[in-house]
Every structure is written in C-alpha cells, then in structure tokens.
Amino acid sequence: MTIAAAVTAPTTAPLHVAPRHAAQPRAAPRRDPSPLNPNAPAQQALRTAASAPPPSSSSSDSARAHIANLDKVLGKPPQVPRAAANNTRDPEQEPLSVRHGLLNALNLSFFVPMPGMRARGTAADEHMSPRSLMHMQQLLSADSPRASPRSTIAPRWRSLHGEGGWAGLLDPLDSDLRRELLRYGDFVQAAYQAFHSLPTASARHRGLMLPDRSYRPTRSLFATSALSMPPWAKRPNTPEWLTQQSNWVGYVAVCESEREVARMGRRDIAIVLRGTATCLEWAENLRASLVPLDGESSDGAEAGAEEPKVARGFLSLYKTAGEKVKSLSEEVMEEVRRLMEKYKGEQLSITVVGHSLGAALALLVADEVAATIPDAPPVAVVSFGGPKVGNAAFVDRLGSSGKVNVLRIVNAGDMVTKVPGVAPRLPHKKEQYQHVGAELRIDSKNSPCLRPDAGPACRHDLEAYLHLIDGFTGTGRPFRHDARRSVIRLLQLQRGNVKKEYVNRARELGVDPTAPADVGRSMAYGNCAVASPSS
C-alpha cells in the first residue's frame, strides 16, 4: 500500500492534477531532477505540484493531507519537454538493472538469519516525517546531486590519519574524516564485487574498478587456509572456489593522481581486505584459541600470559602459503617495500582497511609493517565491524609501536564486534580477547530509512555501515539532513530491513529492490550508488 492510500482515506477533497498528467498512463521511470530537491526553495517545489486541499480543522488531518500531497509530488515528477521526433530511449534513462544473483549473496551478512524479511512491527515503525519524504526522492534517484569538491586536508592529514587517536574528530564526526571513511569503505565494497563476480579469476586484478580513480591497484592479495575440506563434506554441485584453500582476499592500491596527493598532503598506500566468503574461511573464524604471533606456543603460564597472542584462525589465514600463491603476509610486505622504494623521498602513509574478517587481518598487517619495516610511514587501520583479534599484550604491542593507529567503526548490536569473548580453555585474565584502538559507534536505529528492529544481517552489512556513517553527526544528534549517499544498494541488499515507504518509492522510480545488487553497474553511474557526501 502506498503512503497516499494509507493517509488520504479521511480526506474528502480530491487532489487536482494537471490534465496533461491525468490523461497519460504512468510514465516510465525517469531521472529528472526532483521537484523537492533540498537545494531548491520549498515554496518553488510546492508550486510545481497541484494545489493542496484546504487544511482541515484538526492538526492530525492537516499532517495527513500534507504527507499525501508530498506523496503525489514524489510519485509523479513533472515531465521535461522533449522534441517530438525523438522517440528513442536514452540509455541513461533506463532503470538500474542488476546481473549477478547467487554470488552477491556470499557476503558474511547473508549467512545470518534475517528477521527483517518477515512481516513484523506496527504502523508506528513505518512512519516517516515530511522531511524524510522530501529527502526520499533524492536518495532514491540516480540523479542525486553530485558531491561538492573535497576540501584540502594537507595541513591536517596526520590528525585525520590517526595521530592523536582521532581525539575530537569522532563525536561529533568531522566532515573531512567522514569523506575519508566513506572512500575507504567503498574500496572494500569494490573488493567484495571483484571477488563475487569472478571468484575463479586469475591473479590479475579481476576487473577491479575502484570508485576513486585517483588510486591504482598494484597487487592482488590471496589468503590461504591451513584447513582442507574433507571429502565427505563436499557436494557434487558445490562450486570449487567455495572449498578451495586459497582465495583472492583484496588488493594493494596507491594514489597516483598528483592533484590528489597535493590535496591529501601525502601519497597514500591503501591495503584493502574483504570479509568472510568461503567455507574454509568460516572454519578458520571458529578457531578462536589464542596462539603466539610466531605460531609456536610457549611453555609456562607466566611467560604465556605476557606474550602477545592472536586468534589461531586469523593467523592461519595470514601466514599460510598456498600451492600457487605466497602467504598474505609475504605478498603485503613485498608490495609495501616495493612502493616505499619507488616513492622514496616522498611523504607516504599506509591505510589498512577491512570489513569483518578483513578488519581482523588488517590488524595483523599493521602489526607486521610496524615490527619489520623500521622506516615505515604512519599506519592507520580502519576497521568496519571487526571482531576481537588478540589479547592485552597484543593490544599493548600495537600501541607501543608508535606507528599504528586503529579506528574501529562499530554498529550497535553487531554481534561480530563482540566475539570472541574469552579464549577457550584459557581462564587467565590476561588471556581474554581485547579490542584495540579508538571507537566510532553508530546505530541503525538512527537511520530514517532502516527499520528500528533491523536484524543482525543488516547490523553487520558493510553498506549499512556506510549509510550510517554518511548520516552520523554525533551521539544523540539527528541523522544528517543533507546526507547524499544513495540507498539503492542498501535496498537491494537489506530490503527486508528497510521501511516500506522507501521500498515502494524505489519501485515507482524504476529500481527493483528485489533484485540482487550489482556494485560494478552501480559504480558505473558514478554518484548513483557510491557517491560521497556533500558536506
């Protein structure tokens, strides 16, 4: 049921629509500018619509009528005059389509039950304010306004990169830091898409398309599990890549645009790692016993209690070499040294970014860079929904290096960020897992388009993280009213956790929210699905 059908029943006065629109069937989905663009005066937007019915005597009736009028405007944008001879459809006017099905469902969040897919909640859960309705058209339109130019951050890049532990930048969230976090988050989305589209591709960059063309990928990265799938567990129709030991897990990229280097104040090396996608990676995640970083257990309780230790499964994926590929550790260290030599004499930085499992591996990468490369540039770790990785001694080791700063972005209710709790069979207090670094806490309940009872799959989904970062301003503050990130991909990934108003409006605008997401097609539209915020 549309919003108009739900709220106009008590209203007797019909809404007059221009005859030209009334005489035609519903037009094909268009990307014409919204009449309710926040950049245009509200009065001008209302003048483009039909006359509103007279206000009722009741304040509640007036609110219903106002929402109904906005619904009519959003549902039927004004037509732009066209030449009569032009009967061909512009390819850019086609609704977004998606191509990949099962492969895109292999993100970690899709293995978690999704209570958002079943009917639940009350009518109050579906309520949206007039401001939300006014902003909905922009967020669902492929013609969302382009982001304003990024400001120069050269004078303050070190603080944005973590020097000082991001003190004073997280709550309220600094606008420059928000842009940087969204860019690195989209780098991880590109890694997911490159893997899911062609999981059996060669070691070349697999058609990897970065949303920021200032960066160029320089090396593919592979992670290998020390485990193997037993023959009895294999099924005849199971894809080979789901059970093979070595899989593409991410890439290294470097900023090559001199203009962007000047804007950022340094040349940035990005190490990007995706989350869990294969059966053996899931099995490694469950190996939660703590082991020393060198992989060998020490004798003696006291020595072991003070020794930096990490989860066995994470270390296995990081240090194990495959039959045809080197270990993730070797690949990363070789590429970092090569790029440092290539750009010797320049101001450099290293940013290691990952989601879920990738966030855990990012900490191991940062630790090894700081420990084995004496002249390494500053290292920042950006963790989206990362689990705990090591004990207190490992946390102290990272902090005492003087080179590594860690920012953990945590969505309230994301269960992955709470595990593991205590290492199995290791009751000693110092053997407990501990988080490392500064924390930026966001909450799905603050989103105007996500249901307040969004399920665990939504709370861990990377696109949901980026949506919330785009709108986060500070604890206890409302969602950013001028957030520009499109919610098209969020609809396609988490439609059961999105309020019905957005789902219905997406269909009216020609976006199929039931289709699987295609990040590659979305990125081809530039600002359509991965646009950076405007402010």
Protein backbone atom coordinates (compact mmCIF):
# COMPACT_ATOMS: atom_id res chain seq x y z
CA MET A 1 0.00 0.00 0.00
CA THR A 2 1.37 3.44 -0.92
CA ILE A 3 1.59 6.30 1.57
CA ALA A 4 -1.22 8.15 -0.19
CA ALA A 5 -3.58 5.20 0.13
CA ALA A 6 -2.83 4.91 3.81
CA VAL A 7 -3.26 8.53 4.83
CA THR A 8 -5.85 10.06 2.49
CA ALA A 9 -8.85 7.96 3.47
CA PRO A 10 -10.27 10.62 5.85
CA THR A 11 -9.70 13.39 3.30
CA THR A 12 -12.68 14.06 1.08
CA ALA A 13 -11.26 16.83 -1.14
CA PRO A 14 -9.53 15.27 -4.19
CA LEU A 15 -6.08 16.36 -5.22
CA HIS A 16 -6.25 18.18 -8.57
CA VAL A 17 -3.60 17.14 -11.05
CA ALA A 18 -2.80 18.89 -14.33
CA PRO A 19 -4.84 17.36 -17.20
CA ARG A 20 -1.69 16.56 -19.17
CA HIS A 21 -0.57 14.19 -16.46
CA ALA A 22 -4.01 12.80 -15.76
CA ALA A 23 -4.59 11.87 -19.40
CA GLN A 24 -1.44 9.78 -19.68
CA PRO A 25 -0.64 6.38 -18.14
CA ARG A 26 2.14 6.27 -15.58
CA ALA A 27 5.32 7.29 -17.32
CA ALA A 28 8.41 5.12 -17.48
CA PRO A 29 10.93 5.70 -14.67
CA ARG A 30 12.89 8.88 -15.25
CA ARG A 31 15.88 10.55 -13.73
CA ASP A 32 14.52 14.06 -13.94
CA PRO A 33 15.56 16.37 -11.12
CA SER A 34 13.38 16.09 -8.09
CA PRO A 35 10.91 18.95 -7.54
CA LEU A 36 11.73 18.56 -3.85
CA ASN A 37 15.48 18.91 -4.17
CA PRO A 38 16.67 20.35 -0.84
CA ASN A 39 18.72 22.91 -2.77
CA ALA A 40 15.56 24.45 -4.21
CA PRO A 41 13.20 26.61 -2.11
CA ALA A 42 10.35 24.65 -0.62
CA GLN A 43 7.79 27.09 -1.95
CA GLN A 44 9.00 26.66 -5.52
CA ALA A 45 8.80 22.86 -5.14
CA LEU A 46 5.22 23.04 -3.94
CA ARG A 47 4.21 25.35 -6.80
CA THR A 48 5.19 22.65 -9.29
CA ALA A 49 2.64 20.29 -7.77
CA ALA A 50 -1.13 20.53 -7.87
CA SER A 51 -2.96 22.71 -5.44
CA ALA A 52 -3.18 21.23 -1.97
CA PRO A 53 -6.57 20.65 -0.33
CA PRO A 54 -7.62 23.21 2.24
CA PRO A 55 -6.27 22.49 5.72
CA SER A 56 -8.62 20.61 7.97
CA SER A 57 -9.70 21.78 11.31
CA SER A 58 -7.74 19.03 13.01
CA SER A 59 -3.95 19.20 13.24
CA SER A 60 -3.71 15.46 12.57
CA ASP A 61 -5.84 15.80 9.41
CA SER A 62 -3.56 18.60 8.25
CA ALA A 63 -0.48 16.45 8.74
CA ARG A 64 -2.09 13.59 6.80
CA ALA A 65 -3.03 15.90 3.97
CA HIS A 66 0.50 17.32 3.84
CA ILE A 67 2.04 13.87 3.62
CA ALA A 68 -0.48 12.89 0.94
CA ASN A 69 0.43 15.94 -1.15
CA LEU A 70 4.12 15.17 -0.85
CA ASP A 71 3.44 11.59 -1.85
CA LYS A 72 1.71 12.76 -5.02
CA VAL A 73 4.60 15.04 -5.89
CA LEU A 74 7.23 12.39 -5.26
CA GLY A 75 5.32 9.76 -7.15
CA LYS A 76 4.90 11.80 -10.35
CA PRO A 77 7.74 14.28 -11.05
CA PRO A 78 7.00 16.89 -13.73
CA GLN A 79 7.83 15.95 -17.30
CA VAL A 80 10.62 17.76 -19.13
CA PRO A 81 9.57 18.82 -22.67
CA ARG A 82 11.20 16.76 -25.42
CA ALA A 83 11.43 17.05 -29.17
CA ALA A 84 8.55 15.28 -30.87
CA ALA A 85 10.83 13.46 -33.29
CA ASN A 86 12.92 11.92 -30.54
CA ASN A 87 11.21 8.60 -29.84
CA THR A 88 14.30 6.62 -28.81
CA ARG A 89 15.01 5.81 -25.21
CA ASP A 90 18.14 7.32 -23.76
CA PRO A 91 20.27 4.54 -22.22
CA GLU A 92 20.84 6.73 -19.19
CA GLN A 93 17.07 6.78 -18.63
CA GLU A 94 16.90 3.02 -18.22
CA PRO A 95 16.23 1.87 -14.65
CA LEU A 96 19.15 0.35 -12.83
CA SER A 97 19.40 -3.34 -13.55
CA VAL A 98 21.41 -5.99 -11.82
CA ARG A 99 23.00 -9.10 -13.22
CA HIS A 100 24.54 -11.27 -10.51
CA GLY A 101 22.45 -13.47 -8.26
CA LEU A 102 23.92 -16.14 -6.00
CA LEU A 103 27.48 -14.82 -5.97
CA ASN A 104 26.47 -11.50 -4.46
CA ALA A 105 24.73 -13.31 -1.63
CA LEU A 106 28.04 -14.61 -0.30
CA ASN A 107 28.74 -11.59 1.87
CA LEU A 108 29.07 -12.59 5.52
CA SER A 109 25.83 -10.89 6.47
CA PHE A 110 23.79 -13.17 4.21
CA PHE A 111 24.67 -16.23 6.30
CA VAL A 112 22.97 -14.64 9.32
CA PRO A 113 19.19 -15.06 9.81
CA MET A 114 17.29 -12.01 8.66
CA PRO A 115 14.22 -11.34 10.80
CA GLY A 116 13.70 -8.23 8.71
CA MET A 117 12.46 -10.44 5.86
CA ARG A 118 9.28 -11.39 7.65
CA ALA A 119 6.29 -9.20 8.38
CA ARG A 120 6.59 -7.54 11.74
CA GLY A 121 6.25 -4.31 13.62
CA THR A 122 3.45 -1.85 13.85
CA ALA A 123 2.29 1.07 11.80
CA ALA A 124 4.38 3.31 14.01
CA ASP A 125 7.52 1.58 12.75
CA GLU A 126 6.63 2.58 9.19
CA HIS A 127 6.02 6.26 9.96
CA MET A 128 8.12 8.82 8.12
CA SER A 129 8.20 12.54 8.68
CA PRO A 130 7.52 15.04 5.88
CA ARG A 131 11.23 15.91 5.90
CA SER A 132 12.07 12.25 5.30
CA LEU A 133 9.62 12.14 2.42
CA MET A 134 11.10 15.27 0.90
CA HIS A 135 14.57 13.74 1.05
CA MET A 136 13.48 10.31 -0.18
CA GLN A 137 13.30 11.26 -3.86
CA GLN A 138 16.87 12.48 -3.84
CA LEU A 139 18.26 9.39 -2.17
CA LEU A 140 16.40 7.01 -4.49
CA SER A 141 17.13 8.93 -7.65
CA ALA A 142 20.03 8.08 -9.94
CA ASP A 143 20.42 11.84 -10.41
CA SER A 144 21.37 12.53 -6.80
CA PRO A 145 23.28 15.82 -6.71
CA ARG A 146 27.00 15.36 -7.18
CA ALA A 147 29.21 15.70 -4.15
CA SER A 148 30.85 19.03 -3.56
CA PRO A 149 34.62 19.08 -4.10
CA ARG A 150 36.65 17.61 -1.29
CA SER A 151 38.40 20.21 0.78
CA THR A 152 42.17 20.32 1.11
CA ILE A 153 43.30 18.26 4.09
CA ALA A 154 47.06 18.59 3.62
CA PRO A 155 47.60 20.73 6.76
CA ARG A 156 45.76 18.25 8.99
CA TRP A 157 46.25 14.90 7.31
CA ARG A 158 48.17 13.43 10.24
CA SER A 159 45.29 14.01 12.69
CA LEU A 160 42.78 12.62 10.16
CA HIS A 161 45.10 9.63 9.71
CA GLY A 162 45.04 8.88 13.42
CA GLU A 163 47.80 10.88 15.04
CA GLY A 164 46.43 11.65 18.47
CA GLY A 165 43.93 8.80 18.28
CA TRP A 166 41.32 10.86 16.37
CA ALA A 167 40.67 12.88 19.53
CA GLY A 168 37.95 15.47 18.96
CA LEU A 169 37.11 14.15 15.48
CA LEU A 170 34.67 11.31 16.20
CA ASP A 171 31.86 12.78 18.30
CA PRO A 172 30.77 14.99 16.62
CA LEU A 173 32.14 13.42 13.44
CA ASP A 174 34.48 15.63 11.44
CA SER A 175 33.21 16.15 7.88
CA ASP A 176 36.63 15.56 6.29
CA LEU A 177 37.06 12.36 8.27
CA ARG A 178 33.59 11.23 7.15
CA ARG A 179 34.62 11.61 3.50
CA GLU A 180 37.80 9.63 4.08
CA LEU A 181 35.97 6.81 5.85
CA LEU A 182 33.36 6.53 3.10
CA ARG A 183 36.03 6.40 0.43
CA TYR A 184 37.88 3.58 2.18
CA GLY A 185 34.60 1.77 2.80
CA ASP A 186 33.83 1.90 -0.91
CA PHE A 187 37.28 0.41 -1.57
CA VAL A 188 36.18 -2.63 0.45
CA GLN A 189 32.90 -2.79 -1.49
CA ALA A 190 34.98 -2.91 -4.68
CA ALA A 191 36.91 -5.87 -3.22
CA TYR A 192 33.67 -7.74 -2.49
CA GLN A 193 32.42 -7.13 -6.00
CA ALA A 194 35.69 -8.18 -7.65
CA PHE A 195 35.61 -11.47 -5.74
CA HIS A 196 31.91 -12.26 -6.05
CA SER A 197 31.81 -11.54 -9.77
CA LEU A 198 34.74 -13.76 -10.74
CA PRO A 199 35.79 -15.96 -7.81
CA THR A 200 37.89 -18.22 -10.04
CA ALA A 201 39.68 -15.45 -11.93
CA SER A 202 43.47 -15.29 -12.24
CA ALA A 203 45.78 -13.30 -10.02
CA ARG A 204 45.44 -10.20 -12.17
CA HIS A 205 43.13 -7.53 -10.83
CA ARG A 206 39.97 -9.36 -11.81
CA GLY A 207 38.31 -6.39 -13.48
CA LEU A 208 38.67 -4.45 -10.24
CA MET A 209 37.16 -0.98 -10.61
CA LEU A 210 37.90 1.46 -7.81
CA PRO A 211 35.32 4.16 -7.05
CA ASP A 212 38.14 6.69 -6.62
CA ARG A 213 40.10 6.86 -9.87
CA SER A 214 42.95 8.66 -8.11
CA TYR A 215 44.10 5.25 -6.87
CA ARG A 216 45.50 2.43 -8.98
CA PRO A 217 45.60 -1.22 -7.80
CA THR A 218 49.15 -2.56 -7.84
CA ARG A 219 48.89 -6.10 -6.46
CA SER A 220 46.25 -8.74 -5.79
CA LEU A 221 46.27 -10.43 -2.39
CA PHE A 222 45.35 -14.02 -1.54
CA ALA A 223 44.56 -15.67 1.79
CA THR A 224 45.13 -19.40 2.29
CA SER A 225 43.55 -21.62 4.92
CA ALA A 226 45.62 -24.30 6.66
CA LEU A 227 42.47 -26.42 6.75
CA SER A 228 41.13 -28.52 3.90
CA MET A 229 37.64 -29.69 3.15
CA PRO A 230 37.16 -33.41 3.98
CA PRO A 231 35.90 -35.49 1.03
CA TRP A 232 32.70 -36.46 2.83
CA ALA A 233 31.73 -32.79 3.21
CA LYS A 234 31.94 -31.98 -0.48
CA ARG A 235 28.79 -31.95 -2.58
CA PRO A 236 28.65 -32.62 -6.34
CA ASN A 237 27.20 -29.21 -7.20
CA THR A 238 29.30 -27.13 -4.79
CA PRO A 239 31.45 -24.55 -6.64
CA GLU A 240 35.13 -25.37 -6.34
CA TRP A 241 36.10 -21.90 -5.12
CA LEU A 242 33.86 -22.30 -2.05
CA THR A 243 36.03 -25.15 -0.77
CA GLN A 244 39.49 -24.35 -2.18
CA GLN A 245 42.16 -23.29 0.29
CA SER A 246 43.48 -20.13 -1.44
CA ASN A 247 41.20 -17.29 -2.48
CA TRP A 248 41.51 -13.68 -3.59
CA VAL A 249 41.02 -11.55 -0.49
CA GLY A 250 41.88 -7.99 -1.53
CA TYR A 251 44.42 -5.72 -3.13
CA VAL A 252 47.02 -3.02 -2.64
CA ALA A 253 46.44 0.35 -4.30
CA VAL A 254 48.40 3.58 -4.38
CA CYS A 255 47.32 7.14 -5.05
CA GLU A 256 48.83 8.19 -8.40
CA SER A 257 47.00 11.45 -9.00
CA GLU A 258 49.39 14.30 -8.27
CA ARG A 259 46.44 16.58 -7.70
CA GLU A 260 45.02 14.23 -5.08
CA VAL A 261 48.45 13.78 -3.50
CA ALA A 262 48.67 17.56 -3.11
CA ARG A 263 45.15 17.70 -1.64
CA MET A 264 45.87 14.98 0.91
CA GLY A 265 49.37 16.17 1.78
CA ARG A 266 50.94 12.77 1.15
CA ARG A 267 50.89 9.77 -1.16
CA ASP A 268 48.62 7.13 0.35
CA ILE A 269 49.10 3.37 0.06
CA ALA A 270 45.81 1.51 0.67
CA ILE A 271 45.70 -2.17 1.66
CA VAL A 272 42.09 -3.38 1.26
CA LEU A 273 40.73 -6.67 2.60
CA ARG A 274 37.24 -8.18 2.23
CA GLY A 275 35.29 -10.22 4.78
CA THR A 276 34.44 -13.91 5.03
CA ALA A 277 33.18 -15.51 1.81
CA THR A 278 34.22 -19.20 1.65
CA CYS A 279 33.57 -22.30 3.73
CA LEU A 280 37.17 -22.67 4.87
CA GLU A 281 37.33 -19.02 5.89
CA TRP A 282 34.28 -19.64 8.06
CA ALA A 283 36.01 -22.64 9.58
CA GLU A 284 39.10 -20.56 10.36
CA ASN A 285 36.92 -17.94 12.04
CA LEU A 286 35.81 -20.59 14.53
CA ARG A 287 39.37 -21.45 15.59
CA ALA A 288 39.40 -18.98 18.45
CA SER A 289 42.22 -20.26 20.65
CA LEU A 290 44.99 -17.73 21.28
CA VAL A 291 48.46 -18.52 19.89
CA PRO A 292 51.70 -16.52 19.83
CA LEU A 293 52.33 -14.36 16.78
CA ASP A 294 55.17 -16.66 15.68
CA GLY A 295 52.70 -19.56 15.70
CA GLU A 296 54.51 -21.54 18.40
CA SER A 297 53.11 -21.91 21.90
CA SER A 298 55.39 -21.05 24.81
CA ASP A 299 55.89 -23.15 27.89
CA GLY A 300 54.95 -21.75 31.25
CA ALA A 301 51.82 -19.93 32.31
CA GLU A 302 53.62 -16.73 33.26
CA ALA A 303 55.53 -16.41 30.01
CA GLY A 304 52.43 -17.20 28.00
CA ALA A 305 50.33 -14.68 29.91
CA GLU A 306 52.63 -11.80 28.94
CA GLU A 307 53.18 -12.86 25.35
CA PRO A 308 51.26 -11.17 22.50
CA LYS A 309 48.80 -13.69 21.15
CA VAL A 310 46.13 -13.66 18.44
CA ALA A 311 43.34 -15.95 17.27
CA ARG A 312 44.64 -19.12 15.65
CA GLY A 313 42.29 -18.94 12.65
CA PHE A 314 43.16 -15.34 11.75
CA LEU A 315 46.89 -16.06 12.00
CA SER A 316 46.45 -19.16 9.86
CA LEU A 317 44.83 -17.20 7.03
CA TYR A 318 47.52 -14.55 7.31
CA LYS A 319 50.64 -16.75 7.41
CA THR A 320 49.75 -19.85 5.37
CA ALA A 321 51.08 -20.07 1.81
CA GLY A 322 49.20 -21.84 -0.97
CA GLU A 323 50.39 -24.14 -3.71
CA LYS A 324 50.49 -21.38 -6.30
CA VAL A 325 50.43 -18.20 -4.21
CA LYS A 326 52.50 -16.76 -1.41
CA SER A 327 51.05 -16.10 2.00
CA LEU A 328 49.11 -12.91 2.58
CA SER A 329 51.92 -11.78 4.89
CA GLU A 330 54.60 -12.19 2.23
CA GLU A 331 52.54 -10.53 -0.51
CA VAL A 332 51.75 -7.45 1.59
CA MET A 333 55.26 -6.94 2.93
CA GLU A 334 56.84 -7.30 -0.51
CA GLU A 335 54.46 -4.79 -2.06
CA VAL A 336 54.81 -2.25 0.75
CA ARG A 337 58.61 -2.37 0.47
CA ARG A 338 58.44 -2.05 -3.31
CA LEU A 339 56.17 1.00 -3.17
CA MET A 340 58.27 2.61 -0.44
CA GLU A 341 61.33 2.21 -2.65
CA LYS A 342 59.51 3.50 -5.72
CA TYR A 343 58.33 6.65 -3.95
CA LYS A 344 61.39 7.08 -1.78
CA GLY A 345 61.81 10.66 -0.59
CA GLU A 346 58.07 11.44 -0.71
CA GLN A 347 55.72 11.82 2.23
CA LEU A 348 53.87 8.49 2.45
CA SER A 349 51.10 6.96 4.54
CA ILE A 350 49.68 3.44 4.77
CA THR A 351 45.95 2.84 5.32
CA VAL A 352 44.86 -0.74 6.00
CA VAL A 353 41.09 -1.09 5.71
CA GLY A 354 38.86 -4.14 6.09
CA HIS A 355 35.39 -5.36 6.94
CA SER A 356 34.67 -8.25 9.32
CA LEU A 357 37.39 -10.87 8.72
CA GLY A 358 39.27 -8.28 6.65
CA ALA A 359 39.33 -5.96 9.66
CA ALA A 360 40.96 -8.71 11.76
CA LEU A 361 43.58 -9.37 9.08
CA ALA A 362 44.19 -5.61 8.83
CA LEU A 363 45.45 -5.57 12.42
CA LEU A 364 47.93 -8.35 11.64
CA VAL A 365 49.12 -6.44 8.57
CA ALA A 366 49.61 -3.24 10.55
CA ASP A 367 51.49 -5.05 13.32
CA GLU A 368 53.91 -6.69 10.89
CA VAL A 369 54.55 -3.47 8.99
CA ALA A 370 55.42 -1.67 12.21
CA ALA A 371 57.57 -4.56 13.50
CA THR A 372 59.53 -5.47 10.36
CA ILE A 373 59.92 -2.20 8.41
CA PRO A 374 61.89 0.25 10.57
CA ASP A 375 61.37 3.24 8.27
CA ALA A 376 57.70 2.51 7.58
CA PRO A 377 55.39 5.54 7.20
CA PRO A 378 52.48 6.11 9.62
CA VAL A 379 49.96 3.27 9.53
CA ALA A 380 46.21 3.72 10.11
CA VAL A 381 43.78 0.81 10.40
CA VAL A 382 40.12 1.44 9.53
CA SER A 383 38.02 -1.43 10.82
CA PHE A 384 34.38 -1.84 9.75
CA GLY A 385 32.58 -4.33 12.02
CA GLY A 386 35.77 -6.09 13.05
CA PRO A 387 35.95 -8.84 15.71
CA LYS A 388 38.44 -9.02 18.58
CA VAL A 389 41.81 -10.32 17.43
CA GLY A 390 44.28 -10.69 20.28
CA ASN A 391 44.99 -10.45 24.00
CA ALA A 392 46.01 -7.45 26.09
CA ALA A 393 49.69 -7.96 25.28
CA PHE A 394 48.91 -7.74 21.56
CA VAL A 395 46.99 -4.51 22.16
CA ASP A 396 49.97 -3.11 24.07
CA ARG A 397 52.32 -4.18 21.28
CA LEU A 398 50.37 -2.23 18.68
CA GLY A 399 50.10 0.83 20.92
CA SER A 400 53.78 0.87 21.85
CA SER A 401 54.95 0.68 18.24
CA GLY A 402 54.33 4.40 17.82
CA LYS A 403 53.38 3.87 14.17
CA VAL A 404 49.95 2.23 14.24
CA ASN A 405 46.61 3.92 14.95
CA VAL A 406 43.39 1.92 14.86
CA LEU A 407 39.86 3.22 14.34
CA ARG A 408 37.08 0.70 14.95
CA ILE A 409 33.68 1.57 13.49
CA VAL A 410 31.02 -0.37 15.39
CA ASN A 411 27.30 -0.59 14.71
CA ALA A 412 25.38 -1.09 17.95
CA GLY A 413 24.04 -4.63 18.03
CA ASP A 414 26.58 -6.02 15.55
CA MET A 415 27.39 -9.39 17.11
CA VAL A 416 30.61 -9.86 15.13
CA THR A 417 32.22 -6.98 17.01
CA LYS A 418 31.57 -8.80 20.32
CA VAL A 419 33.34 -12.07 19.52
CA PRO A 420 35.36 -13.90 20.58
CA GLY A 421 34.92 -13.12 24.25
CA VAL A 422 37.37 -15.34 26.13
CA ALA A 423 39.82 -17.75 24.55
CA PRO A 424 38.73 -21.40 25.03
CA ARG A 425 40.35 -23.23 27.93
CA LEU A 426 42.38 -20.15 28.89
CA PRO A 427 40.77 -18.73 32.04
CA HIS A 428 43.70 -16.44 32.92
CA LYS A 429 42.59 -12.81 32.92
CA LYS A 430 45.33 -11.67 30.54
CA GLU A 431 44.27 -14.29 28.01
CA GLN A 432 40.98 -12.59 27.38
CA TYR A 433 40.44 -11.04 23.99
CA GLN A 434 40.53 -7.26 23.94
CA HIS A 435 39.68 -4.59 21.38
CA VAL A 436 42.32 -2.15 20.23
CA GLY A 437 42.11 1.48 19.18
CA ALA A 438 39.54 4.28 19.17
CA GLU A 439 35.87 3.54 18.58
CA LEU A 440 33.29 5.30 16.42
CA ARG A 441 29.89 3.95 17.48
CA ILE A 442 26.91 4.24 15.15
CA ASP A 443 23.40 2.80 15.44
CA SER A 444 20.94 1.51 12.83
CA LYS A 445 18.09 2.94 14.91
CA ASN A 446 19.18 6.47 13.97
CA SER A 447 18.61 5.91 10.24
CA PRO A 448 15.42 7.42 8.78
CA CYS A 449 15.03 4.59 6.26
CA LEU A 450 16.09 1.47 8.21
CA ARG A 451 13.57 -0.26 10.42
CA PRO A 452 14.25 0.27 14.14
CA ASP A 453 14.23 -3.51 14.63
CA ALA A 454 16.71 -4.23 11.84
CA GLY A 455 18.12 -7.74 12.13
CA PRO A 456 21.71 -8.92 12.68
CA ALA A 457 22.39 -9.24 8.96
CA CYS A 458 21.65 -5.56 8.46
CA ARG A 459 23.65 -4.50 11.50
CA HIS A 460 26.77 -6.19 10.10
CA ASP A 461 26.29 -5.31 6.43
CA LEU A 462 29.02 -3.02 5.06
CA GLU A 463 26.62 -0.89 3.01
CA ALA A 464 24.54 -0.31 6.13
CA TYR A 465 27.72 0.82 7.88
CA LEU A 466 28.48 3.32 5.12
CA HIS A 467 24.88 4.57 5.08
CA LEU A 468 25.04 5.22 8.83
CA ILE A 469 28.45 6.92 8.65
CA ASP A 470 27.14 9.23 5.94
CA GLY A 471 24.33 10.37 8.23
CA PHE A 472 26.10 10.30 11.60
CA THR A 473 26.77 13.70 13.14
CA GLY A 474 27.17 12.87 16.82
CA THR A 475 25.74 10.91 19.72
CA GLY A 476 22.17 12.00 20.42
CA ARG A 477 22.02 14.14 17.28
CA PRO A 478 19.58 13.58 14.40
CA PHE A 479 20.60 11.88 11.17
CA ARG A 480 22.37 14.33 8.85
CA HIS A 481 19.67 16.07 6.82
CA ASP A 482 21.93 16.66 3.81
CA ALA A 483 23.33 13.13 3.56
CA ARG A 484 23.81 12.34 -0.12
CA ARG A 485 24.64 8.65 -0.29
CA SER A 486 22.10 6.77 -2.39
CA VAL A 487 20.17 3.98 -0.69
CA ILE A 488 19.62 1.97 -3.88
CA ARG A 489 22.20 -0.67 -3.00
CA LEU A 490 21.06 -0.74 0.62
CA LEU A 491 17.55 -1.52 -0.65
CA GLN A 492 18.83 -4.34 -2.81
CA LEU A 493 20.91 -5.89 -0.03
CA GLN A 494 18.70 -5.28 3.00
CA ARG A 495 15.22 -4.64 1.62
CA GLY A 496 13.56 -6.58 4.46
CA ASN A 497 15.13 -4.17 6.94
CA VAL A 498 14.19 -1.01 5.01
CA LYS A 499 10.96 0.84 5.72
CA LYS A 500 8.19 0.14 3.25
CA GLU A 501 7.98 3.75 2.13
CA TYR A 502 11.43 3.50 0.59
CA VAL A 503 10.73 0.13 -0.99
CA ASN A 504 7.51 1.39 -2.59
CA ARG A 505 9.13 4.59 -3.80
CA ALA A 506 12.02 2.66 -5.30
CA ARG A 507 9.61 0.63 -7.42
CA GLU A 508 7.88 3.80 -8.61
CA LEU A 509 11.25 5.22 -9.65
CA GLY A 510 12.11 2.11 -11.65
CA VAL A 511 14.51 0.49 -9.17
CA ASP A 512 13.80 -3.15 -8.46
CA PRO A 513 14.52 -3.65 -4.74
CA THR A 514 14.04 -7.42 -5.08
CA ALA A 515 16.97 -7.80 -7.45
CA PRO A 516 20.48 -8.64 -6.19
CA ALA A 517 22.92 -5.76 -6.05
CA ASP A 518 25.49 -5.17 -8.77
CA VAL A 519 28.20 -2.92 -7.44
CA GLY A 520 30.00 -2.75 -10.75
CA ARG A 521 26.95 -1.38 -12.55
CA SER A 522 26.26 0.99 -9.67
CA MET A 523 29.78 2.38 -9.75
CA ALA A 524 29.45 2.93 -13.48
CA TYR A 525 26.81 5.52 -12.66
CA GLY A 526 29.34 7.42 -10.58
CA ASN A 527 27.32 9.24 -7.96
CA CYS A 528 24.34 6.89 -8.17
CA ALA A 529 25.19 4.32 -5.54
CA VAL A 530 28.59 5.19 -4.14
CA ALA A 531 28.54 8.96 -4.06
CA SER A 532 30.47 10.69 -1.32
CA PRO A 533 28.60 13.08 0.95
CA SER A 534 28.33 16.74 0.10
CA SER A 535 29.32 18.10 3.48
